[in-house]
Amino acid sequence: MSENLIDIGMYITYGLLAIAAATSIIFPIIHFAKDISKAKGTLVGIAILAGVVLIAYLISSSEPYEGVSAMASRWISAGITSVFFLAGLAILAAIFTEVVKLFR
């Protein structure tokens, strides 16, 4: 009896999770489609992030790690390179902001 209730609860949870995931994807797309001019900044940011990941992928090593395929190894290397590159950009942006503040 209690196992059936647990199963029903799990199915309800899965359904609600699927609804939440669908709405978190669908509503932003609808919002962007309604006013493209406000979405330009977000789209530029996504394009820049995709460019960083592409560059990191192109310069990453495909030398396989132990127990990992060459493709997975390359994506892991690209992810690590992307993190380092973006962290460096964040540090440079913080330094630039502080230097600009000094001269105002």
Protein backbone atom coordinates (compact mmCIF):
# COMPACT_ATOMS: atom_id res chain seq x y z
CA MET A 1 0.00 0.00 0.00
CA SER A 2 2.69 2.50 1.00
CA GLU A 3 4.82 1.56 -2.01
CA ASN A 4 1.94 2.49 -4.32
CA LEU A 5 1.63 5.88 -2.63
CA ILE A 6 5.36 6.45 -3.00
CA ASP A 7 5.17 5.51 -6.68
CA ILE A 8 2.26 7.88 -7.23
CA GLY A 9 4.13 10.65 -5.42
CA MET A 10 7.20 10.08 -7.55
CA TYR A 11 5.16 10.23 -10.78
CA ILE A 12 3.54 13.49 -9.65
CA THR A 13 6.98 14.86 -8.80
CA TYR A 14 8.32 13.88 -12.23
CA GLY A 15 5.34 15.51 -13.91
CA LEU A 16 5.73 18.74 -11.95
CA LEU A 17 9.46 18.78 -12.68
CA ALA A 18 8.76 18.38 -16.40
CA ILE A 19 6.23 21.24 -16.28
CA ALA A 20 8.69 23.47 -14.42
CA ALA A 21 11.47 22.71 -16.91
CA ALA A 22 9.18 23.35 -19.89
CA THR A 23 7.93 26.68 -18.53
CA SER A 24 11.45 27.82 -17.66
CA ILE A 25 12.41 27.26 -21.29
CA ILE A 26 9.21 28.36 -23.08
CA PHE A 27 8.41 31.63 -21.26
CA PRO A 28 11.79 33.31 -21.83
CA ILE A 29 11.57 32.43 -25.52
CA ILE A 30 8.10 33.99 -25.70
CA HIS A 31 9.35 37.07 -23.83
CA PHE A 32 12.30 37.48 -26.22
CA ALA A 33 10.07 37.01 -29.25
CA LYS A 34 7.71 39.78 -28.09
CA ASP A 35 10.43 42.42 -27.84
CA ILE A 36 13.55 41.54 -29.82
CA SER A 37 15.14 44.98 -29.29
CA LYS A 38 15.44 44.38 -25.54
CA ALA A 39 16.81 40.89 -26.15
CA LYS A 40 19.74 42.05 -28.30
CA GLY A 41 22.07 42.42 -25.31
CA THR A 42 21.27 38.94 -24.09
CA LEU A 43 21.73 37.46 -27.55
CA VAL A 44 25.09 39.24 -27.92
CA GLY A 45 26.16 37.82 -24.55
CA ILE A 46 25.14 34.31 -25.56
CA ALA A 47 27.00 34.70 -28.88
CA ILE A 48 30.16 35.87 -27.08
CA LEU A 49 29.95 32.97 -24.65
CA ALA A 50 29.48 30.54 -27.55
CA GLY A 51 32.52 32.11 -29.24
CA VAL A 52 34.63 31.64 -26.12
CA VAL A 53 33.60 27.99 -25.87
CA LEU A 54 34.30 27.47 -29.59
CA ILE A 55 37.78 29.00 -29.30
CA ALA A 56 38.47 26.93 -26.18
CA TYR A 57 37.33 23.79 -28.01
CA LEU A 58 39.54 24.54 -31.00
CA ILE A 59 42.66 25.01 -28.86
CA SER A 60 41.92 22.17 -26.44
CA SER A 61 43.89 18.97 -26.34
CA SER A 62 42.29 15.70 -27.44
CA GLU A 63 44.76 13.58 -25.49
CA PRO A 64 42.50 11.07 -23.72
CA TYR A 65 42.44 10.88 -19.95
CA GLU A 66 42.30 7.52 -18.24
CA GLY A 67 38.86 5.99 -18.65
CA VAL A 68 37.52 8.81 -20.84
CA SER A 69 37.06 8.90 -24.61
CA ALA A 70 39.00 11.36 -26.76
CA MET A 71 35.87 13.42 -27.49
CA ALA A 72 34.91 13.68 -23.82
CA SER A 73 38.51 14.53 -23.00
CA ARG A 74 38.46 17.35 -25.53
CA TRP A 75 35.22 18.78 -24.11
CA ILE A 76 36.63 18.57 -20.58
CA SER A 77 39.73 20.44 -21.72
CA ALA A 78 37.55 23.01 -23.50
CA GLY A 79 35.48 23.53 -20.35
CA ILE A 80 38.55 24.06 -18.20
CA THR A 81 40.06 26.45 -20.76
CA SER A 82 36.78 28.38 -20.97
CA VAL A 83 36.66 28.79 -17.20
CA PHE A 84 40.24 30.09 -17.09
CA PHE A 85 39.61 32.47 -19.99
CA LEU A 86 36.38 33.85 -18.51
CA ALA A 87 37.95 34.19 -15.05
CA GLY A 88 40.83 36.15 -16.60
CA LEU A 89 38.35 38.40 -18.41
CA ALA A 90 36.46 38.98 -15.16
CA ILE A 91 39.67 39.97 -13.36
CA LEU A 92 40.66 42.31 -16.20
CA ALA A 93 37.19 43.87 -16.18
CA ALA A 94 37.40 44.46 -12.42
CA ILE A 95 40.84 46.07 -12.75
CA PHE A 96 39.67 48.22 -15.67
CA THR A 97 36.64 49.39 -13.70
CA GLU A 98 38.75 50.37 -10.72
CA VAL A 99 41.28 52.25 -12.89
CA VAL A 100 38.47 54.15 -14.63
CA LYS A 101 37.03 55.08 -11.20
CA LEU A 102 40.39 56.56 -10.17
CA PHE A 103 40.36 59.04 -13.05
CA ARG A 104 36.77 60.27 -12.62
